[in-house]
Amino acid sequence: MVLAAGRGMRLRPLTDTLPKPLLAVRGRPLIEWHLERLVAGGIREVAINSSWLGSKLVAALGDGKRFGVEIAWFDEGPEPFETAGGIVNALPFFRGDPFVVVNGDVFSDYPLPPPPAPGRLAHLVLVPNPPEHPRGDFGIECGELRFDSPARFTFAGFASYEPRFFAGLAPGRRALKPLWDAGLAAGQVSAELFGGAWADVGTPERLAAVNAGLR
């Protein structure tokens, strides 16, 4: 699943007329980079949620066949469901299988998250903290996500889940962080640190830096 429903407020005015995933990164729409990497990892079915200017996303990507995938669209209407709410809304699409979730506003050469290990329900990819997020989000110890750790890192926007991670959650708006926290406390979340190319393109300045080869 590629998360593409956000309004992109920090990217205004660029996102006033174009949905964030269609902003050009190094010569092509950002979301096309994600689709290419998912295909390279063996993914052939992709769910994409949409909200702000969603019709432009659908017009640009269609059914996905020219990218080598089949796209299922999940329109969330004028008010997006937030991250966990968007995933819950698309949960039947995964047919009970583990699945990958990619944030639509990061740019990276990270390949594809592995499925959660046996006994785990989620796997998160972390990266060294960028300048705009120096405190990080989580630590890692022996391959498991931790609240407290001598070193903290930033969530990269790549994760994999077992559907049971979202079991029993009603449809509607719902943030993902409380679910991570609960899963972490229960020992259900593994993690890895990625040291390759990665950037959050969530502001015009960061987008320009990526396009200039500075990040």
C-alpha atoms as a PDB file:
ATOM      1  CA  MET A   1       0.000   0.000   0.000  1.00  0.00           C
ATOM      2  CA  VAL A   2       1.237   3.475  -0.885  1.00  0.00           C
ATOM      3  CA  LEU A   3      -0.127   6.184   1.405  1.00  0.00           C
ATOM      4  CA  ALA A   4      -1.126   9.077  -0.845  1.00  0.00           C
ATOM      5  CA  ALA A   5      -4.103  10.760   0.804  1.00  0.00           C
ATOM      6  CA  GLY A   6      -2.345  13.575   2.688  1.00  0.00           C
ATOM      7  CA  ARG A   7      -3.079  17.208   1.914  1.00  0.00           C
ATOM      8  CA  GLY A   8       0.597  18.193   1.900  1.00  0.00           C
ATOM      9  CA  MET A   9       0.097  21.425   3.833  1.00  0.00           C
ATOM     10  CA  ARG A  10       3.828  21.918   4.390  1.00  0.00           C
ATOM     11  CA  LEU A  11       4.361  21.737   0.627  1.00  0.00           C
ATOM     12  CA  ARG A  12       1.975  24.532  -0.222  1.00  0.00           C
ATOM     13  CA  PRO A  13       1.657  26.278  -2.629  1.00  0.00           C
ATOM     14  CA  LEU A  14       2.991  23.363  -4.707  1.00  0.00           C
ATOM     15  CA  THR A  15       0.198  21.095  -3.479  1.00  0.00           C
ATOM     16  CA  ASP A  16      -2.596  23.594  -4.018  1.00  0.00           C
ATOM     17  CA  THR A  17      -3.053  22.295  -7.556  1.00  0.00           C
ATOM     18  CA  LEU A  18      -1.208  18.963  -7.490  1.00  0.00           C
ATOM     19  CA  PRO A  19      -1.411  16.060  -5.028  1.00  0.00           C
ATOM     20  CA  LYS A  20       1.853  15.530  -3.154  1.00  0.00           C
ATOM     21  CA  PRO A  21       2.710  12.136  -4.730  1.00  0.00           C
ATOM     22  CA  LEU A  22       2.672  13.687  -8.212  1.00  0.00           C
ATOM     23  CA  LEU A  23       5.313  16.305  -7.434  1.00  0.00           C
ATOM     24  CA  ALA A  24       8.331  15.824  -9.680  1.00  0.00           C
ATOM     25  CA  VAL A  25      11.414  14.279  -8.091  1.00  0.00           C
ATOM     26  CA  ARG A  26      14.409  14.013 -10.392  1.00  0.00           C
ATOM     27  CA  GLY A  27      12.315  14.168 -13.518  1.00  0.00           C
ATOM     28  CA  ARG A  28       9.305  12.033 -12.663  1.00  0.00           C
ATOM     29  CA  PRO A  29       6.388  11.938 -10.207  1.00  0.00           C
ATOM     30  CA  LEU A  30       7.463  10.799  -6.752  1.00  0.00           C
ATOM     31  CA  ILE A  31       4.913   7.980  -6.608  1.00  0.00           C
ATOM     32  CA  GLU A  32       6.314   6.440  -9.790  1.00  0.00           C
ATOM     33  CA  TRP A  33       9.617   5.853  -7.992  1.00  0.00           C
ATOM     34  CA  HIS A  34       7.699   3.906  -5.330  1.00  0.00           C
ATOM     35  CA  LEU A  35       5.839   1.798  -7.872  1.00  0.00           C
ATOM     36  CA  GLU A  36       9.074   0.996  -9.680  1.00  0.00           C
ATOM     37  CA  ARG A  37      10.762  -0.153  -6.474  1.00  0.00           C
ATOM     38  CA  LEU A  38       7.742  -2.237  -5.412  1.00  0.00           C
ATOM     39  CA  VAL A  39       7.728  -3.986  -8.790  1.00  0.00           C
ATOM     40  CA  ALA A  40      11.466  -4.641  -8.468  1.00  0.00           C
ATOM     41  CA  GLY A  41      10.718  -6.303  -5.124  1.00  0.00           C
ATOM     42  CA  GLY A  42       8.133  -8.631  -6.641  1.00  0.00           C
ATOM     43  CA  ILE A  43       4.960  -6.713  -5.738  1.00  0.00           C
ATOM     44  CA  ARG A  44       2.222  -6.877  -8.377  1.00  0.00           C
ATOM     45  CA  GLU A  45      -0.865  -5.647  -6.491  1.00  0.00           C
ATOM     46  CA  VAL A  46      -0.879  -2.192  -4.916  1.00  0.00           C
ATOM     47  CA  ALA A  47      -3.483  -0.344  -2.870  1.00  0.00           C
ATOM     48  CA  ILE A  48      -3.339   3.452  -2.983  1.00  0.00           C
ATOM     49  CA  ASN A  49      -5.503   5.676  -0.803  1.00  0.00           C
ATOM     50  CA  SER A  50      -6.484   9.116  -2.001  1.00  0.00           C
ATOM     51  CA  SER A  51      -8.230  12.252  -0.817  1.00  0.00           C
ATOM     52  CA  TRP A  52      -6.988  15.719  -1.803  1.00  0.00           C
ATOM     53  CA  LEU A  53      -7.079  16.019  -5.623  1.00  0.00           C
ATOM     54  CA  GLY A  54      -7.424  12.257  -5.785  1.00  0.00           C
ATOM     55  CA  SER A  55      -8.889  12.372  -9.278  1.00  0.00           C
ATOM     56  CA  LYS A  56      -5.559  13.693 -10.563  1.00  0.00           C
ATOM     57  CA  LEU A  57      -3.774  10.726  -9.008  1.00  0.00           C
ATOM     58  CA  VAL A  58      -6.178   8.298 -10.653  1.00  0.00           C
ATOM     59  CA  ALA A  59      -5.817  10.079 -13.998  1.00  0.00           C
ATOM     60  CA  ALA A  60      -2.023   9.898 -13.774  1.00  0.00           C
ATOM     61  CA  LEU A  61      -1.682   6.245 -12.700  1.00  0.00           C
ATOM     62  CA  GLY A  62      -4.902   4.598 -13.840  1.00  0.00           C
ATOM     63  CA  ASP A  63      -5.060   0.868 -13.236  1.00  0.00           C
ATOM     64  CA  GLY A  64      -1.270   0.671 -12.914  1.00  0.00           C
ATOM     65  CA  LYS A  65      -0.707  -1.753 -15.773  1.00  0.00           C
ATOM     66  CA  ARG A  66       1.829   0.443 -17.557  1.00  0.00           C
ATOM     67  CA  PHE A  67       3.928   0.278 -14.383  1.00  0.00           C
ATOM     68  CA  GLY A  68       3.594  -3.489 -14.077  1.00  0.00           C
ATOM     69  CA  VAL A  69       1.090  -3.520 -11.200  1.00  0.00           C
ATOM     70  CA  GLU A  70      -2.639  -3.662 -10.591  1.00  0.00           C
ATOM     71  CA  ILE A  71      -3.780  -0.649  -8.548  1.00  0.00           C
ATOM     72  CA  ALA A  72      -6.809  -0.738  -6.264  1.00  0.00           C
ATOM     73  CA  TRP A  73      -7.950   2.766  -5.324  1.00  0.00           C
ATOM     74  CA  PHE A  74      -9.374   3.675  -1.906  1.00  0.00           C
ATOM     75  CA  ASP A  75     -10.921   7.145  -1.998  1.00  0.00           C
ATOM     76  CA  GLU A  76     -11.300   8.565   1.516  1.00  0.00           C
ATOM     77  CA  GLY A  77     -13.332  11.607   0.531  1.00  0.00           C
ATOM     78  CA  PRO A  78     -12.515  15.204   1.472  1.00  0.00           C
ATOM     79  CA  GLU A  79     -11.166  14.342   4.949  1.00  0.00           C
ATOM     80  CA  PRO A  80      -8.439  11.668   4.922  1.00  0.00           C
ATOM     81  CA  PHE A  81      -8.624   8.901   7.500  1.00  0.00           C
ATOM     82  CA  GLU A  82      -5.036   9.395   8.759  1.00  0.00           C
ATOM     83  CA  THR A  83      -2.498   6.608   8.454  1.00  0.00           C
ATOM     84  CA  ALA A  84      -4.013   3.781  10.509  1.00  0.00           C
ATOM     85  CA  GLY A  85      -7.525   4.677   9.370  1.00  0.00           C
ATOM     86  CA  GLY A  86      -6.433   4.489   5.739  1.00  0.00           C
ATOM     87  CA  ILE A  87      -4.850   1.083   6.261  1.00  0.00           C
ATOM     88  CA  VAL A  88      -7.919  -0.264   8.081  1.00  0.00           C
ATOM     89  CA  ASN A  89     -10.105   0.976   5.225  1.00  0.00           C
ATOM     90  CA  ALA A  90      -8.011  -1.020   2.738  1.00  0.00           C
ATOM     91  CA  LEU A  91      -7.523  -4.101   4.947  1.00  0.00           C
ATOM     92  CA  PRO A  92      -9.776  -6.465   2.904  1.00  0.00           C
ATOM     93  CA  PHE A  93      -7.511  -5.851  -0.108  1.00  0.00           C
ATOM     94  CA  PHE A  94      -4.694  -7.828   1.540  1.00  0.00           C
ATOM     95  CA  ARG A  95      -6.800 -10.994   1.943  1.00  0.00           C
ATOM     96  CA  GLY A  96      -5.210 -11.864   5.275  1.00  0.00           C
ATOM     97  CA  ASP A  97      -1.629 -11.805   3.951  1.00  0.00           C
ATOM     98  CA  PRO A  98       1.245  -9.707   5.340  1.00  0.00           C
ATOM     99  CA  PHE A  99       1.671  -6.458   3.432  1.00  0.00           C
ATOM    100  CA  VAL A 100       4.048  -3.543   2.914  1.00  0.00           C
ATOM    101  CA  VAL A 101       3.122   0.101   3.543  1.00  0.00           C
ATOM    102  CA  VAL A 102       5.090   2.962   1.984  1.00  0.00           C
ATOM    103  CA  ASN A 103       4.734   6.647   2.831  1.00  0.00           C
ATOM    104  CA  GLY A 104       4.170   8.574  -0.371  1.00  0.00           C
ATOM    105  CA  ASP A 105       6.296  11.561   0.682  1.00  0.00           C
ATOM    106  CA  VAL A 106       9.738   9.971   1.076  1.00  0.00           C
ATOM    107  CA  PHE A 107      12.418   9.395  -1.555  1.00  0.00           C
ATOM    108  CA  SER A 108      14.837   6.522  -1.094  1.00  0.00           C
ATOM    109  CA  ASP A 109      16.652   3.592  -2.664  1.00  0.00           C
ATOM    110  CA  TYR A 110      15.497   1.268   0.113  1.00  0.00           C
ATOM    111  CA  PRO A 111      14.336  -1.959  -1.613  1.00  0.00           C
ATOM    112  CA  LEU A 112      11.407  -3.593   0.205  1.00  0.00           C
ATOM    113  CA  PRO A 113      10.664  -4.328   3.883  1.00  0.00           C
ATOM    114  CA  PRO A 114      10.641  -8.020   4.774  1.00  0.00           C
ATOM    115  CA  PRO A 115       7.457  -9.441   6.295  1.00  0.00           C
ATOM    116  CA  PRO A 116       7.297  -9.437  10.088  1.00  0.00           C
ATOM    117  CA  ALA A 117       9.320 -12.239  11.656  1.00  0.00           C
ATOM    118  CA  PRO A 118       7.466 -15.134  13.322  1.00  0.00           C
ATOM    119  CA  GLY A 119       5.876 -13.915  16.529  1.00  0.00           C
ATOM    120  CA  ARG A 120       5.918 -10.279  15.372  1.00  0.00           C
ATOM    121  CA  LEU A 121       3.056  -8.313  13.850  1.00  0.00           C
ATOM    122  CA  ALA A 122       4.957  -5.344  12.418  1.00  0.00           C
ATOM    123  CA  HIS A 123       8.386  -4.463  11.070  1.00  0.00           C
ATOM    124  CA  LEU A 124       9.586  -0.850  10.804  1.00  0.00           C
ATOM    125  CA  VAL A 125      12.498   0.598   8.860  1.00  0.00           C
ATOM    126  CA  LEU A 126      14.446   3.388  10.573  1.00  0.00           C
ATOM    127  CA  VAL A 127      17.089   5.773   9.233  1.00  0.00           C
ATOM    128  CA  PRO A 128      19.700   8.058  10.834  1.00  0.00           C
ATOM    129  CA  ASN A 129      18.058  11.268  11.984  1.00  0.00           C
ATOM    130  CA  PRO A 130      17.857  14.017   9.343  1.00  0.00           C
ATOM    131  CA  PRO A 131      18.554  17.642  10.367  1.00  0.00           C
ATOM    132  CA  GLU A 132      14.854  18.440  10.615  1.00  0.00           C
ATOM    133  CA  HIS A 133      14.221  15.577  13.084  1.00  0.00           C
ATOM    134  CA  PRO A 134      17.297  15.350  15.333  1.00  0.00           C
ATOM    135  CA  ARG A 135      15.618  13.584  18.269  1.00  0.00           C
ATOM    136  CA  GLY A 136      14.422  10.623  16.225  1.00  0.00           C
ATOM    137  CA  ASP A 137      11.440   8.369  16.956  1.00  0.00           C
ATOM    138  CA  PHE A 138      12.595   4.996  18.275  1.00  0.00           C
ATOM    139  CA  GLY A 139      15.589   2.920  19.238  1.00  0.00           C
ATOM    140  CA  ILE A 140      16.622  -0.569  18.130  1.00  0.00           C
ATOM    141  CA  GLU A 141      17.905  -3.371  20.313  1.00  0.00           C
ATOM    142  CA  CYS A 142      18.615  -6.871  18.981  1.00  0.00           C
ATOM    143  CA  GLY A 143      16.360  -6.227  16.007  1.00  0.00           C
ATOM    144  CA  GLU A 144      13.410  -5.037  18.104  1.00  0.00           C
ATOM    145  CA  LEU A 145      11.860  -1.594  18.284  1.00  0.00           C
ATOM    146  CA  ARG A 146      12.454   0.184  21.607  1.00  0.00           C
ATOM    147  CA  PHE A 147      11.150   3.321  23.322  1.00  0.00           C
ATOM    148  CA  ASP A 148      14.376   3.967  25.196  1.00  0.00           C
ATOM    149  CA  SER A 149      17.770   3.316  23.676  1.00  0.00           C
ATOM    150  CA  PRO A 150      21.172   5.016  23.747  1.00  0.00           C
ATOM    151  CA  ALA A 151      20.622   5.913  20.100  1.00  0.00           C
ATOM    152  CA  ARG A 152      17.326   6.938  18.522  1.00  0.00           C
ATOM    153  CA  PHE A 153      16.469   6.917  14.853  1.00  0.00           C
ATOM    154  CA  THR A 154      13.755   8.239  12.527  1.00  0.00           C
ATOM    155  CA  PHE A 155      10.959   6.182  10.999  1.00  0.00           C
ATOM    156  CA  ALA A 156      11.749   5.915   7.288  1.00  0.00           C
ATOM    157  CA  GLY A 157       8.190   5.584   5.993  1.00  0.00           C
ATOM    158  CA  PHE A 158       8.587   1.882   5.137  1.00  0.00           C
ATOM    159  CA  ALA A 159       6.949  -0.890   7.155  1.00  0.00           C
ATOM    160  CA  SER A 160       5.343  -4.291   6.873  1.00  0.00           C
ATOM    161  CA  TYR A 161       2.424  -5.661   8.870  1.00  0.00           C
ATOM    162  CA  GLU A 162       0.415  -8.730   9.610  1.00  0.00           C
ATOM    163  CA  PRO A 163      -3.298  -7.886   9.240  1.00  0.00           C
ATOM    164  CA  ARG A 164      -3.776  -8.941  12.889  1.00  0.00           C
ATOM    165  CA  PHE A 165      -1.908  -5.788  13.901  1.00  0.00           C
ATOM    166  CA  PHE A 166      -5.100  -3.898  12.981  1.00  0.00           C
ATOM    167  CA  ALA A 167      -7.618  -6.526  14.142  1.00  0.00           C
ATOM    168  CA  GLY A 168     -10.823  -5.238  15.692  1.00  0.00           C
ATOM    169  CA  LEU A 169     -10.319  -1.597  14.694  1.00  0.00           C
ATOM    170  CA  ALA A 170     -13.424   0.153  13.403  1.00  0.00           C
ATOM    171  CA  PRO A 171     -13.248   2.184  10.181  1.00  0.00           C
ATOM    172  CA  GLY A 172     -12.705   5.921  10.489  1.00  0.00           C
ATOM    173  CA  ARG A 173      -9.944   8.391  11.282  1.00  0.00           C
ATOM    174  CA  ARG A 174      -7.153   6.836  13.312  1.00  0.00           C
ATOM    175  CA  ALA A 175      -3.497   7.655  13.897  1.00  0.00           C
ATOM    176  CA  LEU A 176      -0.827   4.956  13.633  1.00  0.00           C
ATOM    177  CA  LYS A 177       1.534   6.007  16.433  1.00  0.00           C
ATOM    178  CA  PRO A 178      -0.665   4.683  19.298  1.00  0.00           C
ATOM    179  CA  LEU A 179      -0.764   1.277  17.591  1.00  0.00           C
ATOM    180  CA  TRP A 180       3.027   1.254  17.267  1.00  0.00           C
ATOM    181  CA  ASP A 181       3.370   2.151  20.927  1.00  0.00           C
ATOM    182  CA  ALA A 182       1.027  -0.643  22.010  1.00  0.00           C
ATOM    183  CA  GLY A 183       2.705  -3.173  19.725  1.00  0.00           C
ATOM    184  CA  LEU A 184       6.143  -2.122  20.932  1.00  0.00           C
ATOM    185  CA  ALA A 185       5.099  -2.535  24.576  1.00  0.00           C
ATOM    186  CA  ALA A 186       3.842  -6.040  23.747  1.00  0.00           C
ATOM    187  CA  GLY A 187       7.069  -7.020  21.966  1.00  0.00           C
ATOM    188  CA  GLN A 188       5.324  -7.363  18.603  1.00  0.00           C
ATOM    189  CA  VAL A 189       7.393  -4.906  16.519  1.00  0.00           C
ATOM    190  CA  SER A 190      10.787  -5.614  14.946  1.00  0.00           C
ATOM    191  CA  ALA A 191      12.969  -3.004  13.286  1.00  0.00           C
ATOM    192  CA  GLU A 192      16.019  -2.464  11.115  1.00  0.00           C
ATOM    193  CA  LEU A 193      18.298   0.479  10.419  1.00  0.00           C
ATOM    194  CA  PHE A 194      18.812   1.546   6.796  1.00  0.00           C
ATOM    195  CA  GLY A 195      21.862   3.623   5.944  1.00  0.00           C
ATOM    196  CA  GLY A 196      21.303   4.235   2.245  1.00  0.00           C
ATOM    197  CA  ALA A 197      19.816   7.167   0.357  1.00  0.00           C
ATOM    198  CA  TRP A 198      16.710   8.597   2.027  1.00  0.00           C
ATOM    199  CA  ALA A 199      14.955  11.951   2.273  1.00  0.00           C
ATOM    200  CA  ASP A 200      11.651  13.301   3.503  1.00  0.00           C
ATOM    201  CA  VAL A 201      10.434  15.624   0.759  1.00  0.00           C
ATOM    202  CA  GLY A 202       7.730  17.163   2.925  1.00  0.00           C
ATOM    203  CA  THR A 203       8.607  20.829   2.313  1.00  0.00           C
ATOM    204  CA  PRO A 204       9.438  22.845  -0.814  1.00  0.00           C
ATOM    205  CA  GLU A 205      12.978  23.349   0.484  1.00  0.00           C
ATOM    206  CA  ARG A 206      13.606  19.627   1.001  1.00  0.00           C
ATOM    207  CA  LEU A 207      12.070  18.805  -2.372  1.00  0.00           C
ATOM    208  CA  ALA A 208      14.376  21.338  -4.035  1.00  0.00           C
ATOM    209  CA  ALA A 209      17.376  19.907  -2.184  1.00  0.00           C
ATOM    210  CA  VAL A 210      16.584  16.374  -3.379  1.00  0.00           C
ATOM    211  CA  ASN A 211      16.155  17.570  -6.949  1.00  0.00           C
ATOM    212  CA  ALA A 212      19.477  19.414  -6.719  1.00  0.00           C
ATOM    213  CA  GLY A 213      21.205  16.256  -5.508  1.00  0.00           C
ATOM    214  CA  LEU A 214      21.930  17.766  -2.100  1.00  0.00           C
ATOM    215  CA  ARG A 215      20.063  15.086  -0.074  1.00  0.00           C
END
